[in-house]
Structures are given as C-alpha cells and as structure tokens.
Amino acid sequence: MTLFRLRRKKLIKVFDKYSKKIFDSKKLSGKDYQILFYKLISVIKSRKYNSDINFDPRGRRNFLKEEIIDYLKNSKYKEALGDLKEYIYDQSYCYRDVSAYSSFEEASKAQEYNLIYNRKGYICREDKDIILIIIELFRYYLKIN
C-alpha cells in the first residue's frame, strides 16, 4: 500500500465535518470529541510525512499551543477547539509574535519560510507531531480514549 502525504485541505475537511456538531452544541459531549479525534488521528496516521525546513513552530503556532493548554486546564474546551481549528487551518502566517524571535529581521525571514511551507499545501512531520500532541492533550483533559 502506497502512502501519500497529507494535504492540509484534507485535514481541514475532516476537522470541519466532525467538529461542526461540537461547535453547534451548547452541551459538552465527550463522545463528539472522541469521534472527532478518532477521525483526525485516523487520517493523520494513514499518510506519510517529510520534514520541512520551512516549517517554524514559533510565533503564532506556539502561542496557539500554549493557549490551548491554558483553555484545557480551565475546562474551556470549545475555546481550545477553536484554537486547534486555527492551528489546523494554519492561519498563523497572517500575524507573527515577534517576541519569539531574536530580531524583527529573523521574524520576517521566518514568515517568508512559513509562506513557502503553506503554499506547498502539505502537513510536514513536525507539524503533524504538534497536532498529535495537542490531540493527546485534549484526550487527557477530557478523559477520553
């Protein structure tokens, strides 16, 4: 069986399909989260990944990961899911946290590389690893398998 690389659009499609019920609901349903994460993990693990030197986990991506952890610790699951959505959609290239870099020039260069990464449309190994860590954090705080 040949494994293909995961396109970001495919991950977004799966996320949107299975998170809609969660975002539309007023009540917390661990089952809905469990289904969402099962589907995401299934599509993620069914693909192959390459490293990408243009991927930069600092800046907005790191901020989102830290904010997700804070939301989960405070049982703000829908807010955390909103940040995961932003992370998966990779809207992070629109604005940078310059404080994560040693200079404005370094931040600008990182943004250029990030744009190159985004244009490729694939999830790299490093990005995949962070997404899986975030999903595991959700599962831990929601106490789901």
N, C-alpha and C. Protein backbone atom coordinates (compact mmCIF):
# COMPACT_ATOMS: atom_id res chain seq x y z
N MET A 1 0.84 -1.18 0.00
CA MET A 1 0.00 0.00 0.00
C MET A 1 0.89 1.25 0.00
N THR A 2 0.63 2.14 -0.92
CA THR A 2 1.39 3.36 -1.01
C THR A 2 0.75 4.44 -0.14
N LEU A 3 1.56 5.07 0.67
CA LEU A 3 1.07 6.16 1.50
C LEU A 3 1.38 7.49 0.83
N PHE A 4 0.41 8.37 0.84
CA PHE A 4 0.59 9.69 0.26
C PHE A 4 0.69 10.72 1.36
N ARG A 5 1.27 11.85 1.03
CA ARG A 5 1.40 12.93 2.01
C ARG A 5 0.02 13.53 2.28
N LEU A 6 -0.13 14.06 3.49
CA LEU A 6 -1.41 14.63 3.91
C LEU A 6 -1.51 16.09 3.48
N ARG A 7 -2.51 16.38 2.69
CA ARG A 7 -2.78 17.76 2.31
C ARG A 7 -3.54 18.45 3.45
N ARG A 8 -3.19 19.69 3.70
CA ARG A 8 -3.86 20.46 4.75
C ARG A 8 -5.37 20.51 4.48
N LYS A 9 -5.75 20.65 3.22
CA LYS A 9 -7.17 20.73 2.86
C LYS A 9 -7.93 19.49 3.32
N LYS A 10 -7.30 18.33 3.22
CA LYS A 10 -7.94 17.08 3.67
C LYS A 10 -8.15 17.09 5.18
N LEU A 11 -7.14 17.54 5.92
CA LEU A 11 -7.26 17.61 7.38
C LEU A 11 -8.35 18.61 7.78
N ILE A 12 -8.41 19.73 7.09
CA ILE A 12 -9.44 20.74 7.36
C ILE A 12 -10.82 20.16 7.10
N LYS A 13 -10.96 19.43 6.00
CA LYS A 13 -12.25 18.84 5.65
C LYS A 13 -12.73 17.88 6.75
N VAL A 14 -11.84 17.04 7.23
CA VAL A 14 -12.18 16.10 8.30
C VAL A 14 -12.52 16.88 9.58
N PHE A 15 -11.69 17.85 9.91
CA PHE A 15 -11.93 18.65 11.13
C PHE A 15 -13.30 19.33 11.06
N ASP A 16 -13.60 19.98 9.94
CA ASP A 16 -14.87 20.70 9.80
C ASP A 16 -16.07 19.77 9.90
N LYS A 17 -15.97 18.62 9.25
CA LYS A 17 -17.09 17.67 9.24
C LYS A 17 -17.42 17.17 10.64
N TYR A 18 -16.39 16.84 11.41
CA TYR A 18 -16.64 16.23 12.72
C TYR A 18 -16.64 17.21 13.89
N SER A 19 -16.24 18.44 13.67
CA SER A 19 -16.28 19.43 14.77
C SER A 19 -17.54 20.28 14.72
N LYS A 20 -18.25 20.28 13.61
CA LYS A 20 -19.44 21.13 13.46
C LYS A 20 -20.44 20.89 14.58
N LYS A 21 -20.70 19.62 14.86
CA LYS A 21 -21.67 19.27 15.91
C LYS A 21 -21.22 19.82 17.27
N ILE A 22 -19.92 19.80 17.54
CA ILE A 22 -19.39 20.30 18.81
C ILE A 22 -19.58 21.81 18.89
N PHE A 23 -19.22 22.52 17.82
CA PHE A 23 -19.35 23.98 17.83
C PHE A 23 -20.81 24.41 17.90
N ASP A 24 -21.72 23.63 17.30
CA ASP A 24 -23.14 23.98 17.28
C ASP A 24 -23.85 23.64 18.58
N SER A 25 -23.28 22.75 19.38
CA SER A 25 -23.92 22.28 20.60
C SER A 25 -23.66 23.22 21.78
N LYS A 26 -24.62 23.29 22.67
CA LYS A 26 -24.45 24.09 23.88
C LYS A 26 -23.90 23.23 25.03
N LYS A 27 -23.99 21.90 24.88
CA LYS A 27 -23.53 20.99 25.93
C LYS A 27 -22.24 20.30 25.50
N LEU A 28 -21.45 19.94 26.48
CA LEU A 28 -20.22 19.20 26.24
C LEU A 28 -20.56 17.73 26.02
N SER A 29 -20.08 17.20 24.90
CA SER A 29 -20.27 15.79 24.61
C SER A 29 -18.91 15.15 24.38
N GLY A 30 -18.45 14.39 25.37
CA GLY A 30 -17.18 13.71 25.23
C GLY A 30 -17.18 12.78 24.03
N LYS A 31 -18.33 12.20 23.72
CA LYS A 31 -18.44 11.29 22.58
C LYS A 31 -18.14 12.01 21.27
N ASP A 32 -18.65 13.25 21.12
CA ASP A 32 -18.39 14.01 19.89
C ASP A 32 -16.91 14.34 19.75
N TYR A 33 -16.27 14.69 20.85
CA TYR A 33 -14.82 14.95 20.82
C TYR A 33 -14.07 13.66 20.48
N GLN A 34 -14.52 12.56 21.07
CA GLN A 34 -13.87 11.27 20.82
C GLN A 34 -13.94 10.90 19.34
N ILE A 35 -15.09 11.10 18.72
CA ILE A 35 -15.26 10.80 17.29
C ILE A 35 -14.36 11.72 16.47
N LEU A 36 -14.36 13.01 16.78
CA LEU A 36 -13.51 13.97 16.06
C LEU A 36 -12.06 13.55 16.11
N PHE A 37 -11.55 13.26 17.29
CA PHE A 37 -10.13 12.93 17.43
C PHE A 37 -9.81 11.58 16.80
N TYR A 38 -10.73 10.64 16.88
CA TYR A 38 -10.53 9.35 16.21
C TYR A 38 -10.37 9.56 14.70
N LYS A 39 -11.23 10.37 14.12
CA LYS A 39 -11.18 10.63 12.67
C LYS A 39 -9.91 11.38 12.29
N LEU A 40 -9.54 12.39 13.09
CA LEU A 40 -8.31 13.12 12.80
C LEU A 40 -7.08 12.22 12.88
N ILE A 41 -7.01 11.44 13.94
CA ILE A 41 -5.86 10.54 14.11
C ILE A 41 -5.82 9.51 12.98
N SER A 42 -6.98 9.01 12.59
CA SER A 42 -7.03 8.02 11.51
C SER A 42 -6.47 8.59 10.21
N VAL A 43 -6.88 9.79 9.86
CA VAL A 43 -6.38 10.37 8.60
C VAL A 43 -4.91 10.74 8.74
N ILE A 44 -4.50 11.22 9.90
CA ILE A 44 -3.09 11.59 10.11
C ILE A 44 -2.20 10.35 10.02
N LYS A 45 -2.60 9.27 10.65
CA LYS A 45 -1.75 8.08 10.68
C LYS A 45 -1.77 7.29 9.37
N SER A 46 -2.69 7.63 8.47
CA SER A 46 -2.78 6.90 7.21
C SER A 46 -1.91 7.53 6.12
N ARG A 47 -1.13 8.54 6.48
CA ARG A 47 -0.32 9.25 5.49
C ARG A 47 1.15 9.21 5.86
N LYS A 48 1.99 9.61 4.91
CA LYS A 48 3.43 9.69 5.18
C LYS A 48 3.81 11.17 5.32
N TYR A 49 4.95 11.41 5.95
CA TYR A 49 5.37 12.78 6.24
C TYR A 49 6.85 12.96 5.98
N ASN A 50 7.19 14.14 5.53
CA ASN A 50 8.57 14.54 5.35
C ASN A 50 8.84 15.74 6.24
N SER A 51 10.09 15.90 6.63
CA SER A 51 10.47 17.13 7.33
C SER A 51 10.44 18.28 6.35
N ASP A 52 10.25 19.47 6.86
CA ASP A 52 10.26 20.66 6.01
C ASP A 52 11.02 21.76 6.73
N ILE A 53 12.12 22.19 6.15
CA ILE A 53 12.95 23.22 6.79
C ILE A 53 12.23 24.57 6.85
N ASN A 54 11.16 24.73 6.09
CA ASN A 54 10.42 25.99 6.09
C ASN A 54 9.40 26.08 7.23
N PHE A 55 9.11 24.95 7.87
CA PHE A 55 8.16 24.94 8.98
C PHE A 55 8.80 25.59 10.20
N ASP A 56 8.07 26.50 10.84
CA ASP A 56 8.57 27.20 12.02
C ASP A 56 7.51 27.11 13.12
N PRO A 57 7.77 26.37 14.20
CA PRO A 57 6.78 26.20 15.25
C PRO A 57 6.68 27.38 16.23
N ARG A 58 7.53 28.37 16.06
CA ARG A 58 7.49 29.50 16.99
C ARG A 58 6.36 30.46 16.62
N GLY A 59 6.33 31.59 17.25
CA GLY A 59 5.36 32.62 16.92
C GLY A 59 3.94 32.20 17.22
N ARG A 60 3.04 32.46 16.29
CA ARG A 60 1.61 32.22 16.49
C ARG A 60 1.31 30.73 16.77
N ARG A 61 1.98 29.83 16.08
CA ARG A 61 1.74 28.40 16.31
C ARG A 61 2.02 28.04 17.77
N ASN A 62 3.14 28.49 18.29
CA ASN A 62 3.47 28.20 19.68
C ASN A 62 2.47 28.87 20.62
N PHE A 63 2.09 30.10 20.32
CA PHE A 63 1.10 30.79 21.13
C PHE A 63 -0.20 29.99 21.19
N LEU A 64 -0.66 29.50 20.03
CA LEU A 64 -1.91 28.73 20.00
C LEU A 64 -1.79 27.46 20.84
N LYS A 65 -0.67 26.77 20.72
CA LYS A 65 -0.47 25.55 21.50
C LYS A 65 -0.53 25.86 23.00
N GLU A 66 0.15 26.91 23.43
CA GLU A 66 0.13 27.29 24.84
C GLU A 66 -1.27 27.73 25.29
N GLU A 67 -1.97 28.46 24.43
CA GLU A 67 -3.33 28.90 24.76
C GLU A 67 -4.28 27.71 24.86
N ILE A 68 -4.12 26.73 23.98
CA ILE A 68 -4.93 25.51 24.05
C ILE A 68 -4.73 24.83 25.40
N ILE A 69 -3.50 24.72 25.84
CA ILE A 69 -3.20 24.09 27.13
C ILE A 69 -3.89 24.86 28.26
N ASP A 70 -3.80 26.19 28.23
CA ASP A 70 -4.46 27.01 29.26
C ASP A 70 -5.98 26.80 29.25
N TYR A 71 -6.56 26.80 28.05
CA TYR A 71 -8.01 26.57 27.95
C TYR A 71 -8.39 25.20 28.50
N LEU A 72 -7.63 24.18 28.14
CA LEU A 72 -7.94 22.83 28.61
C LEU A 72 -7.83 22.73 30.13
N LYS A 73 -6.80 23.35 30.70
CA LYS A 73 -6.63 23.34 32.15
C LYS A 73 -7.80 24.00 32.85
N ASN A 74 -8.44 24.96 32.17
CA ASN A 74 -9.57 25.69 32.74
C ASN A 74 -10.92 25.20 32.21
N SER A 75 -10.93 24.01 31.63
CA SER A 75 -12.15 23.37 31.11
C SER A 75 -12.88 24.21 30.08
N LYS A 76 -12.16 25.00 29.32
CA LYS A 76 -12.75 25.79 28.23
C LYS A 76 -12.49 25.05 26.92
N TYR A 77 -13.21 23.94 26.76
CA TYR A 77 -12.92 23.01 25.68
C TYR A 77 -13.26 23.58 24.30
N LYS A 78 -14.37 24.29 24.20
CA LYS A 78 -14.75 24.85 22.90
C LYS A 78 -13.76 25.92 22.44
N GLU A 79 -13.28 26.72 23.38
CA GLU A 79 -12.27 27.73 23.04
C GLU A 79 -10.98 27.06 22.58
N ALA A 80 -10.61 25.98 23.29
CA ALA A 80 -9.41 25.23 22.90
C ALA A 80 -9.60 24.63 21.51
N LEU A 81 -10.80 24.14 21.23
CA LEU A 81 -11.07 23.57 19.92
C LEU A 81 -11.01 24.64 18.83
N GLY A 82 -11.45 25.85 19.17
CA GLY A 82 -11.34 26.97 18.23
C GLY A 82 -9.88 27.27 17.90
N ASP A 83 -9.02 27.19 18.89
CA ASP A 83 -7.58 27.40 18.64
C ASP A 83 -6.99 26.25 17.82
N LEU A 84 -7.45 25.02 18.09
CA LEU A 84 -6.99 23.89 17.29
C LEU A 84 -7.42 24.08 15.83
N LYS A 85 -8.62 24.58 15.65
CA LYS A 85 -9.09 24.87 14.29
C LYS A 85 -8.17 25.87 13.60
N GLU A 86 -7.84 26.94 14.31
CA GLU A 86 -6.94 27.94 13.75
C GLU A 86 -5.59 27.32 13.43
N TYR A 87 -5.12 26.46 14.31
CA TYR A 87 -3.83 25.80 14.08
C TYR A 87 -3.90 24.92 12.83
N ILE A 88 -4.95 24.12 12.72
CA ILE A 88 -5.09 23.23 11.57
C ILE A 88 -5.26 24.02 10.28
N TYR A 89 -6.05 25.07 10.34
CA TYR A 89 -6.24 25.91 9.15
C TYR A 89 -4.96 26.65 8.80
N ASP A 90 -4.06 26.74 9.76
CA ASP A 90 -2.78 27.42 9.62
C ASP A 90 -2.95 28.87 9.20
N GLN A 91 -3.76 29.58 9.95
CA GLN A 91 -3.95 31.00 9.73
C GLN A 91 -2.85 31.79 10.41
N SER A 92 -1.90 31.07 11.01
CA SER A 92 -0.86 31.71 11.81
C SER A 92 0.11 32.55 11.01
N TYR A 93 0.18 32.35 9.70
CA TYR A 93 1.13 33.13 8.93
C TYR A 93 0.69 34.59 8.78
N CYS A 94 -0.54 34.88 9.11
CA CYS A 94 -1.04 36.25 8.94
C CYS A 94 -0.45 37.23 9.96
N TYR A 95 -0.09 36.73 11.10
CA TYR A 95 0.48 37.60 12.12
C TYR A 95 1.51 36.82 12.91
N ARG A 96 2.56 37.47 13.28
CA ARG A 96 3.67 36.84 13.97
C ARG A 96 3.88 37.45 15.34
N ASP A 97 4.26 36.63 16.26
CA ASP A 97 4.67 37.09 17.57
C ASP A 97 6.17 37.35 17.48
N VAL A 98 6.53 38.60 17.25
CA VAL A 98 7.93 38.96 17.03
C VAL A 98 8.77 38.64 18.25
N SER A 99 8.18 38.62 19.44
CA SER A 99 8.95 38.35 20.65
C SER A 99 9.54 36.94 20.67
N ALA A 100 9.04 36.04 19.83
CA ALA A 100 9.56 34.68 19.77
C ALA A 100 10.87 34.60 18.98
N TYR A 101 11.27 35.72 18.40
CA TYR A 101 12.46 35.77 17.56
C TYR A 101 13.46 36.76 18.13
N SER A 102 14.71 36.60 17.74
CA SER A 102 15.74 37.47 18.28
C SER A 102 15.71 38.86 17.66
N SER A 103 15.09 39.00 16.50
CA SER A 103 15.00 40.31 15.86
C SER A 103 13.82 40.34 14.91
N PHE A 104 13.46 41.54 14.50
CA PHE A 104 12.38 41.69 13.53
C PHE A 104 12.78 41.03 12.20
N GLU A 105 14.04 41.12 11.85
CA GLU A 105 14.53 40.52 10.60
C GLU A 105 14.36 39.00 10.64
N GLU A 106 14.69 38.40 11.79
CA GLU A 106 14.52 36.95 11.92
C GLU A 106 13.04 36.58 11.80
N ALA A 107 12.17 37.37 12.40
CA ALA A 107 10.73 37.11 12.31
C ALA A 107 10.25 37.25 10.87
N SER A 108 10.75 38.24 10.16
CA SER A 108 10.36 38.43 8.76
C SER A 108 10.81 37.26 7.90
N LYS A 109 12.03 36.82 8.12
CA LYS A 109 12.56 35.68 7.37
C LYS A 109 11.75 34.41 7.68
N ALA A 110 11.41 34.22 8.95
CA ALA A 110 10.60 33.07 9.35
C ALA A 110 9.24 33.12 8.66
N GLN A 111 8.68 34.32 8.54
CA GLN A 111 7.38 34.45 7.88
C GLN A 111 7.50 34.08 6.39
N GLU A 112 8.58 34.48 5.76
CA GLU A 112 8.81 34.11 4.36
C GLU A 112 8.86 32.59 4.21
N TYR A 113 9.61 31.94 5.09
CA TYR A 113 9.71 30.48 5.04
C TYR A 113 8.35 29.83 5.30
N ASN A 114 7.60 30.41 6.23
CA ASN A 114 6.28 29.89 6.56
C ASN A 114 5.35 29.97 5.34
N LEU A 115 5.44 31.06 4.60
CA LEU A 115 4.62 31.20 3.40
C LEU A 115 4.98 30.13 2.37
N ILE A 116 6.27 29.84 2.25
CA ILE A 116 6.71 28.77 1.34
C ILE A 116 6.11 27.45 1.79
N TYR A 117 6.18 27.17 3.10
CA TYR A 117 5.62 25.94 3.65
C TYR A 117 4.12 25.86 3.37
N ASN A 118 3.40 26.94 3.61
CA ASN A 118 1.95 26.94 3.41
C ASN A 118 1.56 26.73 1.96
N ARG A 119 2.30 27.32 1.05
CA ARG A 119 1.98 27.19 -0.38
C ARG A 119 2.08 25.75 -0.86
N LYS A 120 2.92 24.96 -0.22
CA LYS A 120 3.06 23.55 -0.61
C LYS A 120 1.76 22.79 -0.33
N GLY A 121 1.04 23.19 0.70
CA GLY A 121 -0.26 22.58 0.99
C GLY A 121 -0.23 21.26 1.73
N TYR A 122 0.96 20.80 2.12
CA TYR A 122 1.09 19.53 2.83
C TYR A 122 1.44 19.76 4.29
N ILE A 123 1.06 18.80 5.12
CA ILE A 123 1.44 18.81 6.53
C ILE A 123 2.81 18.13 6.62
N CYS A 124 3.77 18.78 7.26
CA CYS A 124 5.09 18.17 7.41
C CYS A 124 5.13 17.33 8.70
N ARG A 125 6.20 16.58 8.87
CA ARG A 125 6.35 15.71 10.04
C ARG A 125 6.28 16.50 11.34
N GLU A 126 6.96 17.63 11.38
CA GLU A 126 7.00 18.43 12.62
C GLU A 126 5.62 18.99 12.97
N ASP A 127 4.90 19.44 11.97
CA ASP A 127 3.55 19.97 12.17
C ASP A 127 2.62 18.85 12.65
N LYS A 128 2.72 17.70 12.01
CA LYS A 128 1.91 16.54 12.39
C LYS A 128 2.15 16.17 13.85
N ASP A 129 3.42 16.16 14.26
CA ASP A 129 3.75 15.79 15.64
C ASP A 129 3.11 16.75 16.64
N ILE A 130 3.11 18.03 16.33
CA ILE A 130 2.50 19.01 17.23
C ILE A 130 0.98 18.82 17.28
N ILE A 131 0.35 18.58 16.13
CA ILE A 131 -1.10 18.35 16.10
C ILE A 131 -1.45 17.12 16.93
N LEU A 132 -0.67 16.06 16.82
CA LEU A 132 -0.95 14.85 17.61
C LEU A 132 -0.76 15.10 19.11
N ILE A 133 0.23 15.89 19.48
CA ILE A 133 0.42 16.26 20.89
C ILE A 133 -0.79 17.02 21.41
N ILE A 134 -1.29 17.96 20.61
CA ILE A 134 -2.46 18.75 21.02
C ILE A 134 -3.68 17.84 21.18
N ILE A 135 -3.87 16.91 20.24
CA ILE A 135 -5.00 15.97 20.34
C ILE A 135 -4.87 15.13 21.62
N GLU A 136 -3.66 14.68 21.92
CA GLU A 136 -3.46 13.89 23.15
C GLU A 136 -3.77 14.72 24.40
N LEU A 137 -3.43 16.00 24.36
CA LEU A 137 -3.77 16.87 25.49
C LEU A 137 -5.29 16.99 25.66
N PHE A 138 -6.00 17.14 24.56
CA PHE A 138 -7.47 17.16 24.63
C PHE A 138 -7.98 15.87 25.25
N ARG A 139 -7.49 14.76 24.77
CA ARG A 139 -7.96 13.46 25.26
C ARG A 139 -7.66 13.31 26.75
N TYR A 140 -6.52 13.80 27.19
CA TYR A 140 -6.15 13.74 28.60
C TYR A 140 -7.12 14.58 29.44
N TYR A 141 -7.31 15.83 29.05
CA TYR A 141 -8.15 16.72 29.86
C TYR A 141 -9.63 16.38 29.78
N LEU A 142 -10.06 15.82 28.66
CA LEU A 142 -11.46 15.40 28.53
C LEU A 142 -11.69 13.99 29.08
N LYS A 143 -10.57 13.33 29.44
CA LYS A 143 -10.62 11.95 29.95
C LYS A 143 -11.33 11.01 28.99
N ILE A 144 -10.89 11.09 27.71
CA ILE A 144 -11.43 10.18 26.69
C ILE A 144 -10.29 9.39 26.07
N ASN A 145 -10.62 8.24 25.50
CA ASN A 145 -9.62 7.38 24.86
C ASN A 145 -9.44 7.75 23.41
